[in-house]
Amino acid sequence: MRRLLARLFGTPHEAAAPAGAAPQPVWAERTWMSGDGLSLWARDYGGAGGPARLPVICLHGLTRNSRDFEDVAPAIAATGRRVLALDVRGRGRSAYDPNPTNYNPAVYAGDVASLMGEAGIARAIFLGTSMGGLITMTLSTVRPDLIAGAILNDIGPEIATEGLTRIGSYVGSGGPAASWAEAAERTRAINGSAQPHLTDADWDRFARRTWREVEPGKLVLDYDPAIAQAFAATPAGTPSPDLWPLFMALAINRPMLLVRGGASDLLAEGTAARMQALAPQMRRVDIDGVGHAPTLDEPAARKAIADFLTDAP
C-alpha cells in the first residue's frame, strides 16, 4: 500500500515524532513535466485547512533550490495552508535544460503555471526570494489569475548593480568540495558578509541546502553551471530592463509583503521606498544587519510572514 501511495502522491518524508507515536509526513515529492518535456520536481507540504486557505507557492533564488524553504514551509503548512516549494529547472532535483537560454523568468513562469494546473491549484499566495520574486512578477503579466497575493524577499523592479556584479562573480564557478566542512567554508566565504550572525552550525546547514554529494568525498553545488551563461551573454554596460510595469501588474489590488535585508546590496532603500509609494497596501519588514537575501528563518521575517498570511485569503 505504501508503495502504491508513493506512486500516486509521491514519497512522504517524515518528521520526528514523540516516542511511541507514528512519524508524521512533512512533505511529499511531486513531479511534473514542463511544456517542453523537462521533468521538474517540488516538495508538497499538505496543509490541513482545506480549500478555505489558499496554497502558498515558494520560489527560490538564482542558485538555490526548494531546501531554502525547509523551515518556513512546514511552519506555514501547520497553519492549514498547502505549500509547494519548487526546484526551478536546472536546480536541485529538477532536470537541467539542454538549452541554457531557457534559464529565464518567462520560461520559469510557464513551469509554475503548469505545476499549478497539474496540482489542481487555481490561485495561490506566492513567496519569492530574489529570482523567485522576478518569476512572480513575470507570471503576473501572463497569468494574473493565478496570483492572489505575494511576498517578495529582497527583490524589486530595480536590481542594484553592486549586488548583480557580486552574484555574477561567483555563479557557475568553483569546483567540487571534498567534504561538508569545505563546502560550509566556501559557502561562508561567498555569503558571510550578508549573514554575519550565522554560526558554524548554521553554515553547515546552509551548505547542505546548496550543495549535494555525488559520491563519497565529492560535493558539487546543486545547480546547472550553465545558468551563469545569462550573465556572460550580457555585455557590460547593458541597460537593465524596465521591470516597474511587472511590479505594478503584480501589486494592483493584491495583498503584498516586502521582506528586505537591511544591508542588501541588491534591493536599494530608494527602490523599496518607491515600491511602497506605488503600492501603499504593501507591508514591509527590514531585517537588520542582513544582506541579500534574508533566509526567512529570522524571527522578524517569520513574524511578518505569519501576520501577512493570517490576513491573506
Protein backbone atom coordinates (compact mmCIF):
# COMPACT_ATOMS: atom_id res chain seq x y z
CA MET A 1 0.00 0.00 0.00
CA ARG A 2 2.80 2.44 0.91
CA ARG A 3 4.45 1.77 -2.45
CA LEU A 4 1.17 2.42 -4.29
CA LEU A 5 0.59 5.68 -2.39
CA ALA A 6 4.13 6.75 -3.20
CA ARG A 7 3.47 6.20 -6.89
CA LEU A 8 0.25 8.19 -6.79
CA PHE A 9 1.15 11.01 -4.43
CA GLY A 10 4.91 10.98 -4.05
CA THR A 11 7.11 9.67 -1.27
CA PRO A 12 6.28 11.17 2.13
CA HIS A 13 9.26 12.50 4.09
CA GLU A 14 8.69 12.14 7.79
CA ALA A 15 9.27 14.42 10.76
CA ALA A 16 10.46 13.23 14.14
CA ALA A 17 7.60 12.20 16.40
CA PRO A 18 7.32 11.63 20.15
CA ALA A 19 8.34 8.20 21.42
CA GLY A 20 5.64 5.68 20.64
CA ALA A 21 3.90 7.88 18.09
CA ALA A 22 3.86 7.26 14.35
CA PRO A 23 6.12 9.59 12.30
CA GLN A 24 4.15 12.38 10.64
CA PRO A 25 4.63 13.13 6.93
CA VAL A 26 6.06 16.61 6.39
CA TRP A 27 6.22 16.73 2.61
CA ALA A 28 5.77 14.52 -0.42
CA GLU A 29 7.69 14.55 -3.68
CA ARG A 30 5.79 15.91 -6.65
CA THR A 31 7.00 15.66 -10.23
CA TRP A 32 5.53 17.05 -13.41
CA MET A 33 6.54 17.66 -16.99
CA SER A 34 7.21 21.10 -18.37
CA GLY A 35 5.68 22.17 -21.65
CA ASP A 36 8.98 21.42 -23.40
CA GLY A 37 9.41 17.99 -21.85
CA LEU A 38 11.66 18.50 -18.80
CA SER A 39 10.98 16.54 -15.63
CA LEU A 40 10.50 19.04 -12.80
CA TRP A 41 10.31 18.48 -9.05
CA ALA A 42 8.79 20.10 -5.97
CA ARG A 43 8.13 19.49 -2.30
CA ASP A 44 4.43 19.35 -1.49
CA TYR A 45 3.59 20.18 2.12
CA GLY A 46 -0.06 19.32 2.60
CA GLY A 47 -1.86 21.76 4.88
CA ALA A 48 -4.90 20.68 6.84
CA GLY A 49 -7.04 23.74 6.19
CA GLY A 50 -8.69 22.55 3.00
CA PRO A 51 -9.95 24.86 0.26
CA ALA A 52 -10.70 27.72 2.68
CA ARG A 53 -6.99 28.64 2.81
CA LEU A 54 -5.18 29.34 -0.44
CA PRO A 55 -1.94 27.43 -1.02
CA VAL A 56 1.49 29.08 -0.94
CA ILE A 57 3.96 28.65 -3.82
CA CYS A 58 7.62 29.09 -2.76
CA LEU A 59 10.15 30.11 -5.40
CA HIS A 60 13.86 30.23 -4.60
CA GLY A 61 16.76 32.38 -5.77
CA LEU A 62 19.13 32.01 -8.72
CA THR A 63 21.49 29.32 -7.43
CA ARG A 64 19.23 27.83 -4.78
CA ASN A 65 16.50 25.19 -4.53
CA SER A 66 13.46 24.09 -2.53
CA ARG A 67 15.58 23.30 0.54
CA ASP A 68 15.74 27.03 1.23
CA PHE A 69 12.16 26.71 2.50
CA GLU A 70 12.59 23.57 4.60
CA ASP A 71 11.86 25.51 7.81
CA VAL A 72 9.38 28.17 6.75
CA ALA A 73 7.28 25.85 4.54
CA PRO A 74 6.25 23.41 7.31
CA ALA A 75 5.56 26.37 9.61
CA ILE A 76 3.14 27.76 7.03
CA ALA A 77 1.62 24.32 6.38
CA ALA A 78 0.98 23.96 10.11
CA THR A 79 -1.43 26.91 9.86
CA GLY A 80 -3.59 25.00 7.38
CA ARG A 81 -2.19 26.04 4.02
CA ARG A 82 -0.80 23.68 1.44
CA VAL A 83 2.73 24.71 0.45
CA LEU A 84 4.60 23.79 -2.72
CA ALA A 85 8.32 24.57 -2.83
CA LEU A 86 9.79 24.16 -6.30
CA ASP A 87 13.17 23.20 -7.64
CA VAL A 88 13.19 25.51 -10.64
CA ARG A 89 14.53 23.87 -13.81
CA GLY A 90 18.28 23.48 -13.63
CA ARG A 91 18.31 23.29 -9.83
CA GLY A 92 18.02 20.58 -7.22
CA ARG A 93 16.13 17.54 -8.43
CA SER A 94 14.60 19.20 -11.49
CA ALA A 95 16.17 18.36 -14.83
CA TYR A 96 18.88 20.52 -16.37
CA ASP A 97 17.86 22.23 -19.59
CA PRO A 98 19.96 21.35 -22.66
CA ASN A 99 19.21 24.87 -23.94
CA PRO A 100 20.60 27.36 -21.38
CA THR A 101 18.71 30.25 -22.99
CA ASN A 102 15.63 28.77 -21.33
CA TYR A 103 17.03 29.76 -17.95
CA ASN A 104 14.95 32.92 -17.74
CA PRO A 105 11.91 34.12 -15.75
CA ALA A 106 9.46 33.82 -18.64
CA VAL A 107 10.17 30.09 -19.04
CA TYR A 108 10.17 29.57 -15.27
CA ALA A 109 6.78 31.29 -15.02
CA GLY A 110 5.40 28.82 -17.56
CA ASP A 111 6.74 25.95 -15.45
CA VAL A 112 4.97 27.32 -12.38
CA ALA A 113 1.70 27.66 -14.26
CA SER A 114 1.97 24.06 -15.49
CA LEU A 115 2.61 22.81 -11.94
CA MET A 116 -0.43 24.65 -10.64
CA GLY A 117 -2.58 23.15 -13.37
CA GLU A 118 -1.25 19.66 -12.68
CA ALA A 119 -1.75 20.09 -8.91
CA GLY A 120 -5.27 21.49 -9.27
CA ILE A 121 -4.40 24.90 -7.84
CA ALA A 122 -6.39 27.79 -9.32
CA ARG A 123 -4.94 30.62 -7.18
CA ALA A 124 -2.15 30.89 -4.65
CA ILE A 125 -0.11 33.21 -2.50
CA PHE A 126 3.47 33.44 -3.83
CA LEU A 127 6.64 33.66 -1.74
CA GLY A 128 9.58 34.53 -3.96
CA THR A 129 13.18 35.06 -2.93
CA SER A 130 15.26 37.14 -5.34
CA MET A 131 14.82 35.38 -8.70
CA GLY A 132 11.66 33.80 -7.29
CA GLY A 133 10.21 37.28 -6.92
CA LEU A 134 11.08 38.08 -10.52
CA ILE A 135 9.30 34.91 -11.61
CA THR A 136 6.26 36.00 -9.61
CA MET A 137 6.26 39.45 -11.24
CA THR A 138 6.61 37.87 -14.68
CA LEU A 139 3.77 35.44 -14.02
CA SER A 140 1.51 38.35 -13.03
CA THR A 141 1.75 39.73 -16.57
CA VAL A 142 0.77 36.49 -18.33
CA ARG A 143 -1.39 34.63 -15.81
CA PRO A 144 -2.62 37.23 -13.30
CA ASP A 145 -5.50 34.93 -12.37
CA LEU A 146 -3.07 32.57 -10.61
CA ILE A 147 -1.79 35.08 -8.07
CA ALA A 148 -3.85 36.08 -5.04
CA GLY A 149 -1.03 37.82 -3.17
CA ALA A 150 2.74 37.90 -2.94
CA ILE A 151 5.67 38.02 -0.55
CA LEU A 152 8.81 39.39 -2.19
CA ASN A 153 12.06 38.55 -0.42
CA ASP A 154 14.76 41.14 -1.12
CA ILE A 155 13.86 41.80 -4.72
CA GLY A 156 12.22 44.62 -6.61
CA PRO A 157 11.89 46.10 -10.08
CA GLU A 158 15.33 47.73 -9.90
CA ILE A 159 18.31 45.48 -9.22
CA ALA A 160 21.34 47.25 -7.81
CA THR A 161 24.47 46.89 -9.92
CA GLU A 162 26.64 46.16 -6.91
CA GLY A 163 24.66 43.08 -5.97
CA LEU A 164 24.29 41.87 -9.53
CA THR A 165 28.05 42.15 -10.05
CA ARG A 166 28.72 40.23 -6.84
CA ILE A 167 26.38 37.40 -7.87
CA GLY A 168 27.90 37.27 -11.34
CA SER A 169 31.35 36.89 -9.81
CA TYR A 170 30.59 33.50 -8.29
CA VAL A 171 27.65 31.90 -10.09
CA GLY A 172 28.75 28.86 -12.08
CA SER A 173 32.32 28.99 -10.75
CA GLY A 174 34.25 26.79 -8.36
CA GLY A 175 34.91 23.08 -8.49
CA PRO A 176 33.80 20.26 -6.20
CA ALA A 177 34.35 20.27 -2.45
CA ALA A 178 35.96 17.29 -0.74
CA SER A 179 33.92 17.47 2.47
CA TRP A 180 30.94 19.15 4.07
CA ALA A 181 33.38 21.22 6.14
CA GLU A 182 34.95 22.57 2.94
CA ALA A 183 31.54 23.20 1.41
CA ALA A 184 30.46 25.14 4.52
CA GLU A 185 33.62 27.24 4.48
CA ARG A 186 33.24 28.07 0.80
CA THR A 187 29.59 28.94 1.38
CA ARG A 188 30.63 31.26 4.22
CA ALA A 189 33.26 32.91 2.00
CA ILE A 190 30.58 33.84 -0.55
CA ASN A 191 27.73 34.74 1.79
CA GLY A 192 29.41 35.70 5.06
CA SER A 193 29.15 39.45 4.59
CA ALA A 194 25.39 39.13 4.03
CA GLN A 195 24.85 36.80 7.00
CA PRO A 196 27.35 37.90 9.69
CA HIS A 197 25.27 36.43 12.53
CA LEU A 198 25.38 32.79 11.37
CA THR A 199 27.24 30.23 13.50
CA ASP A 200 29.41 27.33 12.33
CA ALA A 201 26.39 25.04 12.66
CA ASP A 202 24.32 27.48 10.59
CA TRP A 203 26.92 27.47 7.82
CA ASP A 204 26.95 23.68 7.77
CA ARG A 205 23.18 23.72 7.37
CA PHE A 206 23.40 26.46 4.71
CA ALA A 207 25.86 24.30 2.77
CA ARG A 208 23.61 21.26 2.97
CA ARG A 209 20.86 23.34 1.39
CA THR A 210 23.01 24.40 -1.54
CA TRP A 211 25.43 21.50 -2.21
CA ARG A 212 24.83 17.81 -2.91
CA GLU A 213 27.08 14.80 -2.51
CA VAL A 214 27.53 12.98 -5.82
CA GLU A 215 29.93 10.40 -4.39
CA PRO A 216 31.94 9.99 -1.19
CA GLY A 217 34.39 12.87 -0.95
CA LYS A 218 32.86 14.83 -3.84
CA LEU A 219 30.26 17.54 -3.34
CA VAL A 220 29.01 19.91 -6.02
CA LEU A 221 26.79 22.98 -6.00
CA ASP A 222 23.24 21.85 -6.62
CA TYR A 223 22.53 23.69 -9.87
CA ASP A 224 23.45 23.62 -13.53
CA PRO A 225 26.58 25.76 -14.04
CA ALA A 226 25.08 26.81 -17.38
CA ILE A 227 22.77 29.24 -15.60
CA ALA A 228 25.83 31.52 -15.50
CA GLN A 229 25.64 31.95 -19.26
CA ALA A 230 22.91 34.57 -18.88
CA PHE A 231 25.42 36.77 -17.08
CA ALA A 232 28.21 36.08 -19.56
CA ALA A 233 25.93 36.81 -22.53
CA THR A 234 25.05 40.30 -21.26
CA PRO A 235 27.69 42.86 -22.30
CA ALA A 236 28.98 45.20 -19.63
CA GLY A 237 27.07 48.45 -19.51
CA THR A 238 23.88 46.97 -20.97
CA PRO A 239 20.93 48.95 -19.54
CA SER A 240 18.74 46.99 -17.15
CA PRO A 241 15.26 46.21 -18.42
CA ASP A 242 12.41 48.29 -17.01
CA LEU A 243 10.69 45.97 -14.55
CA TRP A 244 8.39 48.55 -12.97
CA PRO A 245 5.45 47.56 -15.22
CA LEU A 246 5.87 43.97 -13.99
CA PHE A 247 5.85 45.11 -10.38
CA MET A 248 2.74 47.21 -10.94
CA ALA A 249 0.99 44.31 -12.65
CA LEU A 250 1.67 42.24 -9.54
CA ALA A 251 0.84 44.93 -6.99
CA ILE A 252 -2.52 46.13 -8.31
CA ASN A 253 -5.34 45.04 -5.98
CA ARG A 254 -3.29 42.33 -4.27
CA PRO A 255 -2.01 41.98 -0.71
CA MET A 256 1.77 42.28 -0.70
CA LEU A 257 4.65 41.92 1.75
CA LEU A 258 8.22 43.05 1.11
CA VAL A 259 10.99 41.47 3.17
CA ARG A 260 14.24 43.40 2.73
CA GLY A 261 17.70 42.77 4.07
CA GLY A 262 18.66 45.93 5.92
CA ALA A 263 22.15 45.70 4.38
CA SER A 264 21.02 44.41 0.97
CA ASP A 265 23.26 45.17 -2.00
CA LEU A 266 20.55 44.05 -4.45
CA LEU A 267 17.45 45.95 -3.30
CA ALA A 268 18.29 49.58 -2.55
CA GLU A 269 16.37 51.52 0.08
CA GLY A 270 15.25 54.02 -2.57
CA THR A 271 13.75 51.23 -4.69
CA ALA A 272 11.94 49.74 -1.70
CA ALA A 273 10.55 53.17 -0.77
CA ARG A 274 9.27 53.73 -4.31
CA MET A 275 7.65 50.29 -4.29
CA GLN A 276 5.78 51.26 -1.13
CA ALA A 277 4.72 54.57 -2.62
CA LEU A 278 3.30 52.86 -5.72
CA ALA A 279 1.72 50.02 -3.76
CA PRO A 280 0.60 51.59 -0.47
CA GLN A 281 -1.11 48.38 0.63
CA MET A 282 2.25 46.59 0.61
CA ARG A 283 3.59 45.75 4.04
CA ARG A 284 7.32 45.89 4.66
CA VAL A 285 9.82 44.47 7.13
CA ASP A 286 13.56 45.14 7.12
CA ILE A 287 15.87 42.52 8.63
CA ASP A 288 18.60 44.48 10.41
CA GLY A 289 22.19 43.50 9.73
CA VAL A 290 21.32 41.06 6.95
CA GLY A 291 22.27 41.46 3.31
CA HIS A 292 20.96 39.66 0.25
CA ALA A 293 18.93 37.74 0.95
CA PRO A 294 17.23 37.05 4.28
CA THR A 295 16.97 33.31 4.94
CA LEU A 296 13.40 33.77 6.23
CA ASP A 297 14.48 31.91 9.37
CA GLU A 298 14.94 35.29 11.12
CA PRO A 299 12.31 35.91 13.83
CA ALA A 300 11.30 39.27 12.32
CA ALA A 301 10.80 37.69 8.89
CA ARG A 302 8.85 34.77 10.33
CA LYS A 303 6.53 37.08 12.27
CA ALA A 304 5.91 39.33 9.27
CA ILE A 305 5.10 36.33 7.07
CA ALA A 306 2.82 34.78 9.69
CA ASP A 307 0.94 38.05 10.21
CA PHE A 308 0.59 38.58 6.46
CA LEU A 309 -0.73 35.08 5.85
CA THR A 310 -3.15 35.39 8.76
CA ASP A 311 -4.84 38.26 6.92
CA ALA A 312 -4.40 36.94 3.35
CA PRO A 313 -7.11 34.86 1.64
